[in-house]
């Protein structure tokens, strides 16, 4: 009899500084221990928190930056089955139009840094991020893509595009 894996809902935020470098955090906790990734966190489901509300809260908690829904563009929804063999994730990826003016201080989750998009490719990032997160950030951050990924450790990563489109009214910083 197989065990039932927990299902978690989270947000990732792509925030830049005034020169366009991306803010990443080096994670001190699982998942993604020791890897660089965008900031974010889990929805407070007991409060009925929406993905946008979570993105606003997490941005303020982790960076001090105050944003509103108007500063955010939801560019991707990714469902990961069996991530690291420990659970399923539904992730909402947001691009933030409001830049940071300084590097936020280190927090419990880890230290932060600003990186150019090219520098990100040379960092230690979670393996699934290399195939799911960053290519879709590059191709779809001004549009939208919904993906389903089978990340079970006993099989190769399988990615299915469920929906994709470009939005002409979204401007990229």
N, C-alpha and C. Protein backbone atom coordinates (compact mmCIF):
# COMPACT_ATOMS: atom_id res chain seq x y z
N UNK A 1 0.84 -1.18 0.00
CA UNK A 1 0.00 0.00 0.00
C UNK A 1 0.89 1.24 0.00
N UNK A 2 0.66 2.17 -0.94
CA UNK A 2 1.48 3.37 -1.03
C UNK A 2 0.94 4.45 -0.09
N UNK A 3 1.87 5.30 0.37
CA UNK A 3 1.46 6.38 1.27
C UNK A 3 0.94 7.57 0.45
N UNK A 4 0.10 8.34 1.09
CA UNK A 4 -0.45 9.53 0.44
C UNK A 4 0.49 10.69 0.72
N UNK A 5 0.94 11.36 -0.34
CA UNK A 5 1.84 12.51 -0.18
C UNK A 5 1.02 13.77 0.08
N UNK A 6 1.54 14.67 0.92
CA UNK A 6 0.83 15.92 1.17
C UNK A 6 0.83 16.81 -0.07
N UNK A 7 -0.18 17.66 -0.18
CA UNK A 7 -0.30 18.61 -1.28
C UNK A 7 -0.16 20.01 -0.69
N UNK A 8 0.77 20.78 -1.25
CA UNK A 8 1.03 22.13 -0.75
C UNK A 8 0.82 23.14 -1.88
N UNK A 9 0.40 24.33 -1.50
CA UNK A 9 0.21 25.42 -2.47
C UNK A 9 1.16 26.54 -2.09
N UNK A 10 1.89 27.04 -3.08
CA UNK A 10 2.89 28.06 -2.79
C UNK A 10 2.96 29.11 -3.90
N UNK A 11 3.70 30.17 -3.61
CA UNK A 11 3.97 31.21 -4.60
C UNK A 11 5.49 31.40 -4.70
N UNK A 12 5.95 31.78 -5.87
CA UNK A 12 7.31 32.24 -6.09
C UNK A 12 7.22 33.63 -6.69
N UNK A 13 8.13 34.51 -6.26
CA UNK A 13 8.11 35.89 -6.73
C UNK A 13 9.42 36.26 -7.40
N UNK A 14 9.31 36.81 -8.58
CA UNK A 14 10.47 37.26 -9.35
C UNK A 14 10.52 38.78 -9.21
N UNK A 15 11.37 39.21 -8.29
CA UNK A 15 11.52 40.64 -7.97
C UNK A 15 12.92 41.06 -8.41
N UNK A 16 13.02 42.24 -8.97
CA UNK A 16 14.30 42.75 -9.45
C UNK A 16 14.68 44.02 -8.69
N UNK A 17 15.97 44.38 -8.82
CA UNK A 17 16.40 45.67 -8.30
C UNK A 17 16.26 46.70 -9.43
N UNK A 18 16.67 47.92 -9.17
CA UNK A 18 16.49 48.98 -10.16
C UNK A 18 17.31 48.78 -11.43
N UNK A 19 18.35 47.93 -11.37
CA UNK A 19 19.13 47.66 -12.58
C UNK A 19 18.70 46.37 -13.27
N UNK A 20 17.62 45.74 -12.77
CA UNK A 20 17.06 44.56 -13.43
C UNK A 20 17.58 43.23 -12.94
N UNK A 21 18.47 43.24 -11.94
CA UNK A 21 18.96 41.97 -11.40
C UNK A 21 17.88 41.32 -10.55
N UNK A 22 17.83 39.98 -10.59
CA UNK A 22 16.81 39.21 -9.88
C UNK A 22 17.21 38.92 -8.44
N UNK A 23 16.25 39.01 -7.53
CA UNK A 23 16.47 38.68 -6.13
C UNK A 23 16.26 37.18 -5.93
N UNK A 24 17.27 36.52 -5.36
CA UNK A 24 17.17 35.10 -5.03
C UNK A 24 17.60 34.90 -3.58
N UNK A 25 17.13 33.81 -3.00
CA UNK A 25 17.48 33.44 -1.64
C UNK A 25 18.15 32.07 -1.66
N UNK A 26 19.21 31.91 -0.86
CA UNK A 26 19.87 30.62 -0.73
C UNK A 26 19.19 29.88 0.42
N UNK A 27 18.41 28.88 0.09
CA UNK A 27 17.53 28.21 1.05
C UNK A 27 18.30 27.42 2.11
N UNK A 28 17.92 27.67 3.37
CA UNK A 28 18.50 26.94 4.50
C UNK A 28 17.65 25.76 4.93
N UNK A 29 16.47 25.62 4.34
CA UNK A 29 15.54 24.57 4.74
C UNK A 29 15.06 23.81 3.50
N UNK A 30 14.61 22.57 3.74
CA UNK A 30 13.99 21.80 2.67
C UNK A 30 12.60 22.37 2.40
N UNK A 31 12.05 22.31 1.23
CA UNK A 31 12.74 21.79 0.04
C UNK A 31 13.77 22.80 -0.47
N UNK A 32 14.66 22.35 -1.29
CA UNK A 32 15.65 23.19 -1.96
C UNK A 32 16.78 23.67 -1.06
N UNK A 33 17.08 22.91 -0.02
CA UNK A 33 18.17 23.22 0.89
C UNK A 33 19.47 23.44 0.13
N UNK A 34 20.13 24.57 0.39
CA UNK A 34 21.41 24.87 -0.24
C UNK A 34 21.33 25.39 -1.66
N UNK A 35 20.13 25.57 -2.18
CA UNK A 35 19.94 26.05 -3.55
C UNK A 35 19.42 27.47 -3.55
N UNK A 36 19.70 28.18 -4.63
CA UNK A 36 19.19 29.53 -4.84
C UNK A 36 17.85 29.46 -5.56
N UNK A 37 16.89 30.23 -5.08
CA UNK A 37 15.58 30.27 -5.74
C UNK A 37 14.93 31.61 -5.47
N UNK A 38 13.89 31.93 -6.23
CA UNK A 38 13.14 33.15 -5.94
C UNK A 38 12.51 33.07 -4.55
N UNK A 39 12.19 34.22 -3.97
CA UNK A 39 11.52 34.22 -2.67
C UNK A 39 10.10 33.71 -2.85
N UNK A 40 9.46 33.37 -1.75
CA UNK A 40 8.08 32.90 -1.80
C UNK A 40 7.76 32.11 -0.57
N UNK A 41 6.62 31.45 -0.61
CA UNK A 41 6.20 30.65 0.52
C UNK A 41 4.86 30.00 0.29
N UNK A 42 4.41 29.32 1.33
CA UNK A 42 3.14 28.58 1.26
C UNK A 42 1.96 29.48 1.62
N UNK A 43 0.84 29.20 0.97
CA UNK A 43 -0.41 29.90 1.28
C UNK A 43 -0.88 29.53 2.68
N UNK A 44 -1.45 30.50 3.38
CA UNK A 44 -2.09 30.25 4.67
C UNK A 44 -3.52 29.82 4.37
N UNK A 45 -3.67 28.52 4.11
CA UNK A 45 -4.95 27.98 3.64
C UNK A 45 -6.03 28.04 4.71
N UNK A 46 -5.65 27.96 5.98
CA UNK A 46 -6.64 28.02 7.06
C UNK A 46 -7.34 29.38 7.08
N UNK A 47 -6.66 30.42 6.57
CA UNK A 47 -7.25 31.76 6.48
C UNK A 47 -7.91 32.02 5.13
N UNK A 48 -7.84 31.05 4.23
CA UNK A 48 -8.42 31.25 2.90
C UNK A 48 -7.62 32.20 2.04
N UNK A 49 -6.33 32.31 2.31
CA UNK A 49 -5.47 33.24 1.59
C UNK A 49 -5.39 32.88 0.10
N UNK A 50 -5.51 33.89 -0.76
CA UNK A 50 -5.39 33.68 -2.20
C UNK A 50 -3.90 33.71 -2.59
N UNK A 51 -3.56 33.22 -3.78
CA UNK A 51 -2.17 33.32 -4.22
C UNK A 51 -1.66 34.76 -4.27
N UNK A 52 -2.49 35.70 -4.70
CA UNK A 52 -2.06 37.10 -4.73
C UNK A 52 -1.83 37.62 -3.32
N UNK A 53 -2.73 37.31 -2.38
CA UNK A 53 -2.54 37.73 -1.00
C UNK A 53 -1.26 37.14 -0.42
N UNK A 54 -0.99 35.89 -0.72
CA UNK A 54 0.23 35.23 -0.26
C UNK A 54 1.46 35.92 -0.84
N UNK A 55 1.43 36.24 -2.12
CA UNK A 55 2.56 36.91 -2.77
C UNK A 55 2.84 38.26 -2.12
N UNK A 56 1.79 39.01 -1.83
CA UNK A 56 1.95 40.32 -1.19
C UNK A 56 2.53 40.15 0.21
N UNK A 57 2.00 39.21 0.98
CA UNK A 57 2.46 38.96 2.35
C UNK A 57 3.91 38.50 2.36
N UNK A 58 4.22 37.51 1.52
CA UNK A 58 5.58 36.97 1.50
C UNK A 58 6.60 38.01 1.06
N UNK A 59 6.24 38.85 0.09
CA UNK A 59 7.14 39.91 -0.36
C UNK A 59 7.46 40.84 0.80
N UNK A 60 6.44 41.26 1.55
CA UNK A 60 6.68 42.16 2.67
C UNK A 60 7.47 41.46 3.78
N UNK A 61 7.10 40.22 4.11
CA UNK A 61 7.80 39.50 5.18
C UNK A 61 9.28 39.26 4.85
N UNK A 62 9.57 38.91 3.62
CA UNK A 62 10.92 38.52 3.26
C UNK A 62 11.80 39.66 2.78
N UNK A 63 11.18 40.76 2.27
CA UNK A 63 11.99 41.86 1.73
C UNK A 63 11.68 43.22 2.35
N UNK A 64 10.53 43.37 2.98
CA UNK A 64 10.11 44.67 3.49
C UNK A 64 9.40 45.51 2.43
N UNK A 65 9.40 45.07 1.17
CA UNK A 65 8.77 45.81 0.08
C UNK A 65 7.25 45.69 0.18
N UNK A 66 6.58 46.82 0.12
CA UNK A 66 5.12 46.82 0.14
C UNK A 66 4.62 46.91 -1.29
N UNK A 67 3.80 45.92 -1.67
CA UNK A 67 3.24 45.87 -3.03
C UNK A 67 1.75 45.64 -2.94
N UNK A 68 1.09 45.81 -4.09
CA UNK A 68 -0.34 45.51 -4.21
C UNK A 68 -0.53 44.56 -5.39
N UNK A 69 -1.76 44.13 -5.58
CA UNK A 69 -2.07 43.24 -6.69
C UNK A 69 -1.65 43.85 -8.02
N UNK A 70 -1.72 45.18 -8.13
CA UNK A 70 -1.38 45.86 -9.39
C UNK A 70 0.10 45.75 -9.73
N UNK A 71 0.94 45.45 -8.74
CA UNK A 71 2.38 45.29 -8.98
C UNK A 71 2.73 43.89 -9.47
N UNK A 72 1.76 42.98 -9.46
CA UNK A 72 2.01 41.58 -9.76
C UNK A 72 1.38 41.13 -11.08
N UNK A 73 2.10 40.24 -11.76
CA UNK A 73 1.56 39.57 -12.94
C UNK A 73 1.76 38.07 -12.74
N UNK A 74 0.65 37.33 -12.66
CA UNK A 74 0.71 35.87 -12.57
C UNK A 74 1.07 35.34 -13.95
N UNK A 75 2.27 34.77 -14.08
CA UNK A 75 2.67 34.30 -15.41
C UNK A 75 2.73 32.79 -15.52
N UNK A 76 2.61 32.08 -14.38
CA UNK A 76 2.66 30.63 -14.50
C UNK A 76 2.00 29.95 -13.31
N UNK A 77 1.42 28.81 -13.61
CA UNK A 77 0.89 27.92 -12.59
C UNK A 77 1.49 26.55 -12.91
N UNK A 78 2.18 25.96 -11.91
CA UNK A 78 2.87 24.70 -12.13
C UNK A 78 2.43 23.70 -11.07
N UNK A 79 1.98 22.56 -11.52
CA UNK A 79 1.62 21.47 -10.61
C UNK A 79 2.72 20.42 -10.68
N UNK A 80 3.41 20.21 -9.55
CA UNK A 80 4.48 19.22 -9.48
C UNK A 80 3.99 18.02 -8.68
N UNK A 81 4.03 16.86 -9.32
CA UNK A 81 3.65 15.61 -8.64
C UNK A 81 4.90 14.96 -8.07
N UNK A 82 4.87 14.64 -6.77
CA UNK A 82 5.94 13.88 -6.15
C UNK A 82 7.27 14.58 -6.07
N UNK A 83 7.28 15.90 -5.84
CA UNK A 83 8.54 16.65 -5.78
C UNK A 83 9.44 16.09 -4.67
N UNK A 84 10.68 15.75 -5.03
CA UNK A 84 11.66 15.14 -4.13
C UNK A 84 11.10 13.92 -3.40
N UNK A 85 10.03 13.31 -3.94
CA UNK A 85 9.41 12.15 -3.34
C UNK A 85 8.69 12.44 -2.03
N UNK A 86 8.55 13.75 -1.70
CA UNK A 86 7.99 14.09 -0.39
C UNK A 86 6.63 14.78 -0.43
N UNK A 87 6.19 15.20 -1.60
CA UNK A 87 4.90 15.86 -1.66
C UNK A 87 4.58 16.38 -3.05
N UNK A 88 3.38 16.87 -3.18
CA UNK A 88 2.92 17.49 -4.42
C UNK A 88 2.82 19.00 -4.17
N UNK A 89 3.12 19.78 -5.19
CA UNK A 89 3.08 21.23 -5.06
C UNK A 89 2.25 21.83 -6.18
N UNK A 90 1.48 22.85 -5.85
CA UNK A 90 0.84 23.71 -6.84
C UNK A 90 1.45 25.07 -6.62
N UNK A 91 2.21 25.55 -7.61
CA UNK A 91 2.95 26.80 -7.47
C UNK A 91 2.39 27.86 -8.41
N UNK A 92 2.29 29.06 -7.87
CA UNK A 92 1.89 30.23 -8.64
C UNK A 92 3.10 31.14 -8.75
N UNK A 93 3.52 31.45 -9.98
CA UNK A 93 4.71 32.26 -10.21
C UNK A 93 4.29 33.67 -10.62
N UNK A 94 4.84 34.65 -9.90
CA UNK A 94 4.49 36.05 -10.13
C UNK A 94 5.73 36.84 -10.52
N UNK A 95 5.55 37.72 -11.49
CA UNK A 95 6.56 38.72 -11.84
C UNK A 95 6.13 40.01 -11.17
N UNK A 96 7.05 40.66 -10.45
CA UNK A 96 6.75 41.88 -9.72
C UNK A 96 7.31 43.09 -10.48
N UNK A 97 6.46 44.06 -10.74
CA UNK A 97 6.88 45.25 -11.49
C UNK A 97 7.57 46.29 -10.61
N UNK A 98 7.36 46.23 -9.30
CA UNK A 98 7.95 47.22 -8.38
C UNK A 98 9.35 46.75 -7.98
N UNK A 99 10.39 47.55 -8.26
CA UNK A 99 11.75 47.10 -7.95
C UNK A 99 12.14 47.36 -6.49
N UNK A 100 13.11 46.60 -6.05
CA UNK A 100 13.73 46.84 -4.75
C UNK A 100 14.85 47.86 -4.93
N UNK A 101 15.05 48.71 -3.94
CA UNK A 101 16.11 49.72 -4.02
C UNK A 101 17.38 49.28 -3.31
N UNK A 102 17.30 48.20 -2.50
CA UNK A 102 18.47 47.69 -1.80
C UNK A 102 18.28 46.21 -1.52
N UNK A 103 19.40 45.53 -1.27
CA UNK A 103 19.34 44.11 -0.93
C UNK A 103 18.72 43.94 0.45
N UNK A 104 17.68 43.11 0.57
CA UNK A 104 17.07 42.89 1.88
C UNK A 104 18.05 42.18 2.82
N UNK A 105 17.90 42.39 4.12
CA UNK A 105 18.77 41.70 5.07
C UNK A 105 18.50 40.19 5.08
N UNK A 106 19.48 39.44 5.56
CA UNK A 106 19.34 37.99 5.68
C UNK A 106 18.18 37.66 6.62
N UNK A 107 17.43 36.60 6.29
CA UNK A 107 16.31 36.16 7.12
C UNK A 107 16.54 34.71 7.53
N UNK A 108 15.67 34.16 8.38
CA UNK A 108 15.82 32.78 8.85
C UNK A 108 15.95 31.78 7.70
N UNK A 109 15.22 32.03 6.60
CA UNK A 109 15.23 31.10 5.47
C UNK A 109 16.55 31.10 4.72
N UNK A 110 17.36 32.18 4.87
CA UNK A 110 18.66 32.23 4.21
C UNK A 110 19.07 33.60 3.75
N UNK A 111 20.31 33.72 3.26
CA UNK A 111 20.80 35.00 2.73
C UNK A 111 20.26 35.24 1.32
N UNK A 112 20.21 36.50 0.93
CA UNK A 112 19.70 36.85 -0.40
C UNK A 112 20.80 37.51 -1.22
N UNK A 113 20.60 37.51 -2.52
CA UNK A 113 21.52 38.18 -3.43
C UNK A 113 20.80 38.59 -4.69
N UNK A 114 21.37 39.58 -5.37
CA UNK A 114 20.87 40.01 -6.67
C UNK A 114 21.75 39.39 -7.75
N UNK A 115 21.12 38.86 -8.81
CA UNK A 115 21.86 38.20 -9.88
C UNK A 115 21.25 38.58 -11.22
N UNK A 116 22.12 38.72 -12.23
CA UNK A 116 21.62 38.89 -13.59
C UNK A 116 21.02 37.55 -14.00
N UNK A 117 20.19 37.56 -15.00
CA UNK A 117 19.59 36.30 -15.48
C UNK A 117 20.69 35.34 -15.92
N UNK A 118 21.75 35.85 -16.54
CA UNK A 118 22.85 35.00 -16.99
C UNK A 118 23.57 34.38 -15.79
N UNK A 119 23.75 35.12 -14.70
CA UNK A 119 24.41 34.60 -13.51
C UNK A 119 23.59 33.48 -12.86
N UNK A 120 22.28 33.56 -12.95
CA UNK A 120 21.41 32.53 -12.37
C UNK A 120 21.75 31.16 -12.96
N UNK A 121 22.07 31.11 -14.24
CA UNK A 121 22.39 29.84 -14.89
C UNK A 121 23.62 29.17 -14.29
N UNK A 122 24.51 29.94 -13.64
CA UNK A 122 25.71 29.37 -13.03
C UNK A 122 25.56 29.04 -11.56
N UNK A 123 24.40 29.32 -10.97
CA UNK A 123 24.16 29.06 -9.55
C UNK A 123 23.65 27.65 -9.32
N UNK A 124 23.79 27.19 -8.07
CA UNK A 124 23.17 25.92 -7.69
C UNK A 124 21.69 26.20 -7.47
N UNK A 125 20.87 25.69 -8.37
CA UNK A 125 19.41 25.85 -8.26
C UNK A 125 18.79 24.45 -8.23
N UNK A 126 17.57 24.33 -7.70
CA UNK A 126 16.93 23.01 -7.71
C UNK A 126 16.85 22.47 -9.14
N UNK A 127 17.12 21.16 -9.32
CA UNK A 127 17.08 20.59 -10.68
C UNK A 127 15.78 20.86 -11.43
N UNK A 128 14.64 20.75 -10.74
CA UNK A 128 13.38 20.99 -11.45
C UNK A 128 13.24 22.46 -11.85
N UNK A 129 13.85 23.37 -11.09
CA UNK A 129 13.81 24.79 -11.46
C UNK A 129 14.49 25.02 -12.80
N UNK A 130 15.59 24.30 -13.03
CA UNK A 130 16.31 24.46 -14.30
C UNK A 130 15.45 24.08 -15.50
N UNK A 131 14.53 23.12 -15.31
CA UNK A 131 13.68 22.64 -16.41
C UNK A 131 12.29 23.27 -16.41
N UNK A 132 11.79 23.66 -15.25
CA UNK A 132 10.41 24.18 -15.14
C UNK A 132 10.34 25.68 -14.93
N UNK A 133 11.08 26.18 -13.96
CA UNK A 133 10.93 27.58 -13.54
C UNK A 133 11.61 28.54 -14.50
N UNK A 134 12.92 28.38 -14.66
CA UNK A 134 13.67 29.39 -15.42
C UNK A 134 13.34 29.44 -16.91
N UNK A 135 13.20 28.33 -17.62
CA UNK A 135 12.82 28.44 -19.03
C UNK A 135 11.46 29.12 -19.22
N UNK A 136 10.55 28.87 -18.28
CA UNK A 136 9.23 29.48 -18.41
C UNK A 136 9.22 30.93 -17.98
N UNK A 137 10.08 31.29 -17.06
CA UNK A 137 10.28 32.71 -16.75
C UNK A 137 10.78 33.43 -18.01
N UNK A 138 11.78 32.85 -18.66
CA UNK A 138 12.35 33.47 -19.86
C UNK A 138 11.33 33.62 -20.98
N UNK A 139 10.52 32.59 -21.21
CA UNK A 139 9.61 32.58 -22.36
C UNK A 139 8.23 33.16 -22.09
N UNK A 140 7.78 33.10 -20.84
CA UNK A 140 6.36 33.39 -20.60
C UNK A 140 6.08 34.45 -19.54
N UNK A 141 7.09 35.17 -19.05
CA UNK A 141 6.80 36.11 -17.96
C UNK A 141 5.94 37.28 -18.39
N UNK A 142 5.80 37.49 -19.67
CA UNK A 142 4.88 38.53 -20.12
C UNK A 142 3.56 37.94 -20.59
N UNK A 143 3.39 36.65 -20.43
CA UNK A 143 2.16 35.98 -20.83
C UNK A 143 1.67 35.07 -19.72
N UNK A 144 1.36 33.83 -20.09
CA UNK A 144 0.91 32.86 -19.10
C UNK A 144 1.15 31.45 -19.62
N UNK A 145 1.57 30.57 -18.69
CA UNK A 145 1.70 29.15 -19.02
C UNK A 145 1.29 28.34 -17.79
N UNK A 146 0.53 27.28 -18.03
CA UNK A 146 0.17 26.33 -16.99
C UNK A 146 0.83 25.00 -17.34
N UNK A 147 1.55 24.43 -16.36
CA UNK A 147 2.29 23.19 -16.58
C UNK A 147 1.92 22.15 -15.53
N UNK A 148 2.08 20.91 -15.93
CA UNK A 148 1.97 19.78 -15.01
C UNK A 148 3.27 19.00 -15.17
N UNK A 149 3.89 18.68 -14.03
CA UNK A 149 5.17 17.97 -14.09
C UNK A 149 5.15 16.77 -13.15
N UNK A 150 5.58 15.64 -13.66
CA UNK A 150 5.73 14.44 -12.84
C UNK A 150 7.19 14.41 -12.39
N UNK A 151 7.39 14.69 -11.09
CA UNK A 151 8.74 14.78 -10.53
C UNK A 151 9.09 13.58 -9.66
N UNK A 152 8.36 12.50 -9.78
CA UNK A 152 8.60 11.33 -8.94
C UNK A 152 10.02 10.83 -9.14
N UNK A 153 10.73 10.55 -8.04
CA UNK A 153 12.15 10.16 -8.13
C UNK A 153 12.41 8.91 -8.97
N UNK A 154 11.44 7.99 -9.05
CA UNK A 154 11.67 6.74 -9.78
C UNK A 154 11.49 6.88 -11.29
N UNK A 155 11.14 8.06 -11.78
CA UNK A 155 10.96 8.24 -13.22
C UNK A 155 11.59 9.54 -13.69
N UNK A 156 11.78 9.65 -15.00
CA UNK A 156 12.30 10.88 -15.57
C UNK A 156 11.26 11.99 -15.46
N UNK A 157 11.73 13.22 -15.37
CA UNK A 157 10.85 14.37 -15.31
C UNK A 157 9.98 14.44 -16.57
N UNK A 158 8.69 14.45 -16.38
CA UNK A 158 7.73 14.56 -17.49
C UNK A 158 7.00 15.88 -17.34
N UNK A 159 7.01 16.71 -18.39
CA UNK A 159 6.37 18.02 -18.35
C UNK A 159 5.29 18.08 -19.41
N UNK A 160 4.09 18.49 -19.00
CA UNK A 160 2.97 18.65 -19.92
C UNK A 160 2.51 20.11 -19.86
N UNK A 161 2.43 20.77 -21.02
CA UNK A 161 1.90 22.13 -21.09
C UNK A 161 0.38 22.01 -21.17
N UNK A 162 -0.30 22.61 -20.20
CA UNK A 162 -1.76 22.54 -20.17
C UNK A 162 -2.42 23.77 -20.80
N UNK A 163 -1.74 24.90 -20.75
CA UNK A 163 -2.25 26.12 -21.38
C UNK A 163 -1.10 27.10 -21.54
N UNK A 164 -1.11 27.85 -22.62
CA UNK A 164 -0.10 28.89 -22.82
C UNK A 164 -0.67 29.98 -23.72
N UNK A 165 -0.32 31.21 -23.41
CA UNK A 165 -0.65 32.34 -24.29
C UNK A 165 0.17 33.56 -23.90
N UNK A 166 0.31 34.45 -24.85
CA UNK A 166 1.03 35.70 -24.62
C UNK A 166 0.01 36.80 -24.40
N UNK A 167 0.38 37.74 -23.53
CA UNK A 167 -0.48 38.88 -23.25
C UNK A 167 0.20 40.12 -23.77
N UNK A 168 -0.39 40.79 -24.69
CA UNK A 168 0.26 41.96 -25.28
C UNK A 168 0.17 43.19 -24.40
N UNK A 169 -0.76 43.21 -23.43
CA UNK A 169 -0.91 44.41 -22.61
C UNK A 169 0.01 44.44 -21.38
N UNK A 170 0.78 43.40 -21.15
CA UNK A 170 1.69 43.35 -20.02
C UNK A 170 3.05 43.90 -20.48
N UNK A 171 3.57 44.84 -19.74
CA UNK A 171 4.89 45.36 -20.10
C UNK A 171 5.93 44.76 -19.17
N UNK A 172 7.07 44.44 -19.72
CA UNK A 172 8.16 43.89 -18.92
C UNK A 172 9.08 45.02 -18.48
N UNK A 173 9.54 44.96 -17.24
CA UNK A 173 10.49 45.98 -16.78
C UNK A 173 11.82 45.85 -17.49
